[in-house]
Amino acid sequence: MRRMGGADAFTLAMETPRAYMHTFKVAILDPSTDPDGWSYEKFHQSFEERVHLVPYFRWKYAKTPLDLFD
């Protein structure tokens, strides 16, 4: 288990049902560079094969015992 960083903890603490603190991302893809073409299924499979290379993407938030810091 790892302790959440200050900026991440602040963002999580400030999020409410009326004020979302997460961000939105947009990707512009050029399918002409892939000889087999592009598809979501292909992207998803590629992501699954590589996600282990970035452990941060697999972390999960866990509340503290007895909700001491909420």
PDB file of N, CA and C in Angstrom:
ATOM      1  N   MET A   1       0.848  -1.173   0.000  1.00  0.00           N
ATOM      2  CA  MET A   1       0.000   0.000   0.000  1.00  0.00           C
ATOM      3  C   MET A   1       0.893   1.235   0.000  1.00  0.00           C
ATOM      4  N   ARG A   2       0.484   2.252  -0.757  1.00  0.00           N
ATOM      5  CA  ARG A   2       1.234   3.501  -0.837  1.00  0.00           C
ATOM      6  C   ARG A   2       0.355   4.656  -0.386  1.00  0.00           C
ATOM      7  N   ARG A   3       0.973   5.629   0.208  1.00  0.00           N
ATOM      8  CA  ARG A   3       0.240   6.822   0.609  1.00  0.00           C
ATOM      9  C   ARG A   3       0.042   7.721  -0.615  1.00  0.00           C
ATOM     10  N   MET A   4      -1.151   8.255  -0.745  1.00  0.00           N
ATOM     11  CA  MET A   4      -1.487   9.134  -1.862  1.00  0.00           C
ATOM     12  C   MET A   4      -0.754  10.465  -1.693  1.00  0.00           C
ATOM     13  N   GLY A   5      -0.297  11.017  -2.796  1.00  0.00           N
ATOM     14  CA  GLY A   5       0.383  12.310  -2.764  1.00  0.00           C
ATOM     15  C   GLY A   5      -0.576  13.439  -2.413  1.00  0.00           C
ATOM     16  N   GLY A   6      -0.032  14.552  -2.015  1.00  0.00           N
ATOM     17  CA  GLY A   6      -0.835  15.696  -1.579  1.00  0.00           C
ATOM     18  C   GLY A   6      -1.790  16.223  -2.625  1.00  0.00           C
ATOM     19  N   ALA A   7      -1.304  16.393  -3.852  1.00  0.00           N
ATOM     20  CA  ALA A   7      -2.174  16.913  -4.922  1.00  0.00           C
ATOM     21  C   ALA A   7      -3.298  15.933  -5.232  1.00  0.00           C
ATOM     22  N   ASP A   8      -2.988  14.637  -5.258  1.00  0.00           N
ATOM     23  CA  ASP A   8      -4.016  13.630  -5.525  1.00  0.00           C
ATOM     24  C   ASP A   8      -5.037  13.582  -4.397  1.00  0.00           C
ATOM     25  N   ALA A   9      -4.567  13.650  -3.159  1.00  0.00           N
ATOM     26  CA  ALA A   9      -5.474  13.631  -2.012  1.00  0.00           C
ATOM     27  C   ALA A   9      -6.384  14.856  -2.021  1.00  0.00           C
ATOM     28  N   PHE A  10      -5.831  16.019  -2.358  1.00  0.00           N
ATOM     29  CA  PHE A  10      -6.632  17.242  -2.428  1.00  0.00           C
ATOM     30  C   PHE A  10      -7.707  17.125  -3.497  1.00  0.00           C
ATOM     31  N   THR A  11      -7.319  16.653  -4.671  1.00  0.00           N
ATOM     32  CA  THR A  11      -8.275  16.493  -5.770  1.00  0.00           C
ATOM     33  C   THR A  11      -9.396  15.543  -5.378  1.00  0.00           C
ATOM     34  N   LEU A  12      -9.058  14.423  -4.761  1.00  0.00           N
ATOM     35  CA  LEU A  12     -10.060  13.461  -4.340  1.00  0.00           C
ATOM     36  C   LEU A  12     -10.971  14.047  -3.261  1.00  0.00           C
ATOM     37  N   ALA A  13     -10.407  14.761  -2.306  1.00  0.00           N
ATOM     38  CA  ALA A  13     -11.196  15.328  -1.213  1.00  0.00           C
ATOM     39  C   ALA A  13     -12.154  16.417  -1.696  1.00  0.00           C
ATOM     40  N   MET A  14     -11.774  17.152  -2.731  1.00  0.00           N
ATOM     41  CA  MET A  14     -12.601  18.254  -3.225  1.00  0.00           C
ATOM     42  C   MET A  14     -13.692  17.804  -4.188  1.00  0.00           C
ATOM     43  N   GLU A  15     -13.633  16.561  -4.657  1.00  0.00           N
ATOM     44  CA  GLU A  15     -14.629  16.095  -5.618  1.00  0.00           C
ATOM     45  C   GLU A  15     -15.957  15.810  -4.918  1.00  0.00           C
ATOM     46  N   THR A  16     -17.023  16.306  -5.507  1.00  0.00           N
ATOM     47  CA  THR A  16     -18.375  16.078  -5.000  1.00  0.00           C
ATOM     48  C   THR A  16     -19.251  15.710  -6.197  1.00  0.00           C
ATOM     49  N   PRO A  17     -20.489  15.279  -5.963  1.00  0.00           N
ATOM     50  CA  PRO A  17     -21.370  14.977  -7.096  1.00  0.00           C
ATOM     51  C   PRO A  17     -21.633  16.185  -8.009  1.00  0.00           C
ATOM     52  N   ARG A  18     -21.431  17.390  -7.487  1.00  0.00           N
ATOM     53  CA  ARG A  18     -21.682  18.589  -8.291  1.00  0.00           C
ATOM     54  C   ARG A  18     -20.405  19.218  -8.838  1.00  0.00           C
ATOM     55  N   ALA A  19     -19.253  18.811  -8.338  1.00  0.00           N
ATOM     56  CA  ALA A  19     -17.973  19.377  -8.791  1.00  0.00           C
ATOM     57  C   ALA A  19     -16.983  18.243  -9.032  1.00  0.00           C
ATOM     58  N   TYR A  20     -16.822  17.886 -10.290  1.00  0.00           N
ATOM     59  CA  TYR A  20     -15.910  16.810 -10.637  1.00  0.00           C
ATOM     60  C   TYR A  20     -14.491  17.362 -10.723  1.00  0.00           C
ATOM     61  N   MET A  21     -13.560  16.681 -10.104  1.00  0.00           N
ATOM     62  CA  MET A  21     -12.182  17.149 -10.109  1.00  0.00           C
ATOM     63  C   MET A  21     -11.300  16.361 -11.082  1.00  0.00           C
ATOM     64  N   HIS A  22     -11.858  15.370 -11.760  1.00  0.00           N
ATOM     65  CA  HIS A  22     -11.050  14.651 -12.737  1.00  0.00           C
ATOM     66  C   HIS A  22     -10.966  15.465 -14.025  1.00  0.00           C
ATOM     67  N   THR A  23     -10.070  15.073 -14.900  1.00  0.00           N
ATOM     68  CA  THR A  23      -9.862  15.818 -16.133  1.00  0.00           C
ATOM     69  C   THR A  23     -10.309  14.993 -17.331  1.00  0.00           C
ATOM     70  N   PHE A  24     -10.528  15.662 -18.421  1.00  0.00           N
ATOM     71  CA  PHE A  24     -10.991  15.041 -19.653  1.00  0.00           C
ATOM     72  C   PHE A  24      -9.836  15.037 -20.646  1.00  0.00           C
ATOM     73  N   LYS A  25      -9.642  13.930 -21.316  1.00  0.00           N
ATOM     74  CA  LYS A  25      -8.552  13.820 -22.286  1.00  0.00           C
ATOM     75  C   LYS A  25      -9.116  13.564 -23.681  1.00  0.00           C
ATOM     76  N   VAL A  26      -8.442  14.102 -24.665  1.00  0.00           N
ATOM     77  CA  VAL A  26      -8.803  13.892 -26.067  1.00  0.00           C
ATOM     78  C   VAL A  26      -7.563  13.390 -26.792  1.00  0.00           C
ATOM     79  N   ALA A  27      -7.735  12.386 -27.615  1.00  0.00           N
ATOM     80  CA  ALA A  27      -6.629  11.871 -28.417  1.00  0.00           C
ATOM     81  C   ALA A  27      -6.996  11.997 -29.890  1.00  0.00           C
ATOM     82  N   ILE A  28      -6.045  12.441 -30.677  1.00  0.00           N
ATOM     83  CA  ILE A  28      -6.242  12.512 -32.123  1.00  0.00           C
ATOM     84  C   ILE A  28      -5.394  11.393 -32.719  1.00  0.00           C
ATOM     85  N   LEU A  29      -6.060  10.448 -33.355  1.00  0.00           N
ATOM     86  CA  LEU A  29      -5.390   9.275 -33.899  1.00  0.00           C
ATOM     87  C   LEU A  29      -5.311   9.366 -35.414  1.00  0.00           C
ATOM     88  N   ASP A  30      -4.197   8.925 -35.950  1.00  0.00           N
ATOM     89  CA  ASP A  30      -4.011   8.889 -37.403  1.00  0.00           C
ATOM     90  C   ASP A  30      -3.977   7.428 -37.834  1.00  0.00           C
ATOM     91  N   PRO A  31      -5.109   6.865 -38.270  1.00  0.00           N
ATOM     92  CA  PRO A  31      -5.147   5.448 -38.634  1.00  0.00           C
ATOM     93  C   PRO A  31      -4.362   5.125 -39.904  1.00  0.00           C
ATOM     94  N   SER A  32      -3.973   6.131 -40.662  1.00  0.00           N
ATOM     95  CA  SER A  32      -3.234   5.865 -41.899  1.00  0.00           C
ATOM     96  C   SER A  32      -1.841   5.312 -41.628  1.00  0.00           C
ATOM     97  N   THR A  33      -1.340   5.470 -40.421  1.00  0.00           N
ATOM     98  CA  THR A  33      -0.006   4.965 -40.092  1.00  0.00           C
ATOM     99  C   THR A  33      -0.015   3.486 -39.732  1.00  0.00           C
ATOM    100  N   ASP A  34      -1.191   2.908 -39.558  1.00  0.00           N
ATOM    101  CA  ASP A  34      -1.301   1.487 -39.211  1.00  0.00           C
ATOM    102  C   ASP A  34      -1.748   0.714 -40.444  1.00  0.00           C
ATOM    103  N   PRO A  35      -0.914  -0.164 -40.957  1.00  0.00           N
ATOM    104  CA  PRO A  35      -1.283  -0.881 -42.183  1.00  0.00           C
ATOM    105  C   PRO A  35      -2.519  -1.772 -42.027  1.00  0.00           C
ATOM    106  N   ASP A  36      -2.809  -2.215 -40.800  1.00  0.00           N
ATOM    107  CA  ASP A  36      -3.978  -3.066 -40.566  1.00  0.00           C
ATOM    108  C   ASP A  36      -5.225  -2.266 -40.233  1.00  0.00           C
ATOM    109  N   GLY A  37      -5.127  -0.962 -40.168  1.00  0.00           N
ATOM    110  CA  GLY A  37      -6.271  -0.134 -39.795  1.00  0.00           C
ATOM    111  C   GLY A  37      -6.413  -0.048 -38.284  1.00  0.00           C
ATOM    112  N   TRP A  38      -7.321   0.795 -37.840  1.00  0.00           N
ATOM    113  CA  TRP A  38      -7.516   1.022 -36.419  1.00  0.00           C
ATOM    114  C   TRP A  38      -8.899   0.561 -36.016  1.00  0.00           C
ATOM    115  N   SER A  39      -8.999   0.007 -34.795  1.00  0.00           N
ATOM    116  CA  SER A  39     -10.302  -0.328 -34.219  1.00  0.00           C
ATOM    117  C   SER A  39     -10.176  -0.243 -32.707  1.00  0.00           C
ATOM    118  N   TYR A  40     -11.297  -0.023 -32.052  1.00  0.00           N
ATOM    119  CA  TYR A  40     -11.273   0.044 -30.587  1.00  0.00           C
ATOM    120  C   TYR A  40     -10.810  -1.280 -29.998  1.00  0.00           C
ATOM    121  N   GLU A  41     -11.260  -2.378 -30.563  1.00  0.00           N
ATOM    122  CA  GLU A  41     -10.875  -3.697 -30.050  1.00  0.00           C
ATOM    123  C   GLU A  41      -9.363  -3.884 -30.116  1.00  0.00           C
ATOM    124  N   LYS A  42      -8.766  -3.452 -31.210  1.00  0.00           N
ATOM    125  CA  LYS A  42      -7.314  -3.555 -31.375  1.00  0.00           C
ATOM    126  C   LYS A  42      -6.598  -2.670 -30.342  1.00  0.00           C
ATOM    127  N   PHE A  43      -7.104  -1.457 -30.151  1.00  0.00           N
ATOM    128  CA  PHE A  43      -6.537  -0.550 -29.150  1.00  0.00           C
ATOM    129  C   PHE A  43      -6.644  -1.165 -27.754  1.00  0.00           C
ATOM    130  N   HIS A  44      -7.814  -1.701 -27.434  1.00  0.00           N
ATOM    131  CA  HIS A  44      -8.049  -2.284 -26.115  1.00  0.00           C
ATOM    132  C   HIS A  44      -7.107  -3.455 -25.863  1.00  0.00           C
ATOM    133  N   GLN A  45      -6.937  -4.310 -26.835  1.00  0.00           N
ATOM    134  CA  GLN A  45      -6.036  -5.451 -26.696  1.00  0.00           C
ATOM    135  C   GLN A  45      -4.596  -4.976 -26.490  1.00  0.00           C
ATOM    136  N   SER A  46      -4.184  -3.980 -27.250  1.00  0.00           N
ATOM    137  CA  SER A  46      -2.833  -3.437 -27.122  1.00  0.00           C
ATOM    138  C   SER A  46      -2.627  -2.834 -25.733  1.00  0.00           C
ATOM    139  N   PHE A  47      -3.640  -2.119 -25.239  1.00  0.00           N
ATOM    140  CA  PHE A  47      -3.557  -1.534 -23.909  1.00  0.00           C
ATOM    141  C   PHE A  47      -3.434  -2.615 -22.840  1.00  0.00           C
ATOM    142  N   GLU A  48      -4.246  -3.668 -22.946  1.00  0.00           N
ATOM    143  CA  GLU A  48      -4.178  -4.769 -21.982  1.00  0.00           C
ATOM    144  C   GLU A  48      -2.802  -5.425 -21.971  1.00  0.00           C
ATOM    145  N   GLU A  49      -2.190  -5.538 -23.132  1.00  0.00           N
ATOM    146  CA  GLU A  49      -0.873  -6.163 -23.218  1.00  0.00           C
ATOM    147  C   GLU A  49       0.225  -5.301 -22.599  1.00  0.00           C
ATOM    148  N   ARG A  50       0.017  -3.983 -22.515  1.00  0.00           N
ATOM    149  CA  ARG A  50       1.067  -3.073 -22.054  1.00  0.00           C
ATOM    150  C   ARG A  50       0.809  -2.421 -20.707  1.00  0.00           C
ATOM    151  N   VAL A  51      -0.377  -2.560 -20.145  1.00  0.00           N
ATOM    152  CA  VAL A  51      -0.714  -1.848 -18.907  1.00  0.00           C
ATOM    153  C   VAL A  51       0.208  -2.240 -17.750  1.00  0.00           C
ATOM    154  N   HIS A  52       0.739  -3.439 -17.776  1.00  0.00           N
ATOM    155  CA  HIS A  52       1.649  -3.858 -16.706  1.00  0.00           C
ATOM    156  C   HIS A  52       2.931  -3.027 -16.686  1.00  0.00           C
ATOM    157  N   LEU A  53       3.250  -2.346 -17.783  1.00  0.00           N
ATOM    158  CA  LEU A  53       4.445  -1.522 -17.857  1.00  0.00           C
ATOM    159  C   LEU A  53       4.297  -0.202 -17.101  1.00  0.00           C
ATOM    160  N   VAL A  54       3.057   0.176 -16.772  1.00  0.00           N
ATOM    161  CA  VAL A  54       2.794   1.420 -16.052  1.00  0.00           C
ATOM    162  C   VAL A  54       1.967   1.082 -14.805  1.00  0.00           C
ATOM    163  N   PRO A  55       2.625   0.714 -13.711  1.00  0.00           N
ATOM    164  CA  PRO A  55       1.899   0.276 -12.513  1.00  0.00           C
ATOM    165  C   PRO A  55       0.879   1.302 -12.000  1.00  0.00           C
ATOM    166  N   TYR A  56       1.148   2.590 -12.212  1.00  0.00           N
ATOM    167  CA  TYR A  56       0.237   3.637 -11.739  1.00  0.00           C
ATOM    168  C   TYR A  56      -1.184   3.446 -12.267  1.00  0.00           C
ATOM    169  N   PHE A  57      -1.332   2.901 -13.462  1.00  0.00           N
ATOM    170  CA  PHE A  57      -2.658   2.684 -14.046  1.00  0.00           C
ATOM    171  C   PHE A  57      -3.438   1.581 -13.345  1.00  0.00           C
ATOM    172  N   ARG A  58      -2.768   0.768 -12.544  1.00  0.00           N
ATOM    173  CA  ARG A  58      -3.445  -0.341 -11.871  1.00  0.00           C
ATOM    174  C   ARG A  58      -3.705  -0.073 -10.393  1.00  0.00           C
ATOM    175  N   TRP A  59      -3.280   1.089  -9.892  1.00  0.00           N
ATOM    176  CA  TRP A  59      -3.497   1.410  -8.484  1.00  0.00           C
ATOM    177  C   TRP A  59      -4.982   1.631  -8.228  1.00  0.00           C
ATOM    178  N   LYS A  60      -5.404   1.316  -7.017  1.00  0.00           N
ATOM    179  CA  LYS A  60      -6.791   1.519  -6.612  1.00  0.00           C
ATOM    180  C   LYS A  60      -6.824   2.295  -5.306  1.00  0.00           C
ATOM    181  N   TYR A  61      -7.830   3.132  -5.181  1.00  0.00           N
ATOM    182  CA  TYR A  61      -8.017   3.917  -3.958  1.00  0.00           C
ATOM    183  C   TYR A  61      -8.602   3.030  -2.876  1.00  0.00           C
ATOM    184  N   ALA A  62      -8.024   3.095  -1.687  1.00  0.00           N
ATOM    185  CA  ALA A  62      -8.541   2.357  -0.541  1.00  0.00           C
ATOM    186  C   ALA A  62      -8.731   3.332   0.614  1.00  0.00           C
ATOM    187  N   LYS A  63      -9.901   3.291   1.211  1.00  0.00           N
ATOM    188  CA  LYS A  63     -10.155   4.167   2.361  1.00  0.00           C
ATOM    189  C   LYS A  63      -9.294   3.740   3.547  1.00  0.00           C
ATOM    190  N   THR A  64      -9.038   4.689   4.416  1.00  0.00           N
ATOM    191  CA  THR A  64      -8.252   4.389   5.612  1.00  0.00           C
ATOM    192  C   THR A  64      -9.146   3.637   6.612  1.00  0.00           C
ATOM    193  N   PRO A  65      -8.540   2.843   7.473  1.00  0.00           N
ATOM    194  CA  PRO A  65      -9.338   2.161   8.499  1.00  0.00           C
ATOM    195  C   PRO A  65     -10.077   3.180   9.364  1.00  0.00           C
ATOM    196  N   LEU A  66     -11.316   2.901   9.658  1.00  0.00           N
ATOM    197  CA  LEU A  66     -12.184   3.764  10.478  1.00  0.00           C
ATOM    198  C   LEU A  66     -12.408   5.151   9.860  1.00  0.00           C
ATOM    199  N   ASP A  67     -12.110   5.301   8.566  1.00  0.00           N
ATOM    200  CA  ASP A  67     -12.281   6.590   7.879  1.00  0.00           C
ATOM    201  C   ASP A  67     -11.624   7.740   8.633  1.00  0.00           C
ATOM    202  N   LEU A  68     -10.437   7.520   9.157  1.00  0.00           N
ATOM    203  CA  LEU A  68      -9.758   8.507   9.988  1.00  0.00           C
ATOM    204  C   LEU A  68      -9.427   9.787   9.248  1.00  0.00           C
ATOM    205  N   PHE A  69      -9.151   9.718   7.961  1.00  0.00           N
ATOM    206  CA  PHE A  69      -8.708  10.906   7.242  1.00  0.00           C
ATOM    207  C   PHE A  69      -9.707  11.391   6.199  1.00  0.00           C
ATOM    208  N   ASP A  70     -10.944  11.005   6.301  1.00  0.00           N
ATOM    209  CA  ASP A  70     -11.953  11.450   5.337  1.00  0.00           C
ATOM    210  C   ASP A  70     -12.656  12.690   5.828  1.00  0.00           C
TER     211      ASP A  70
END
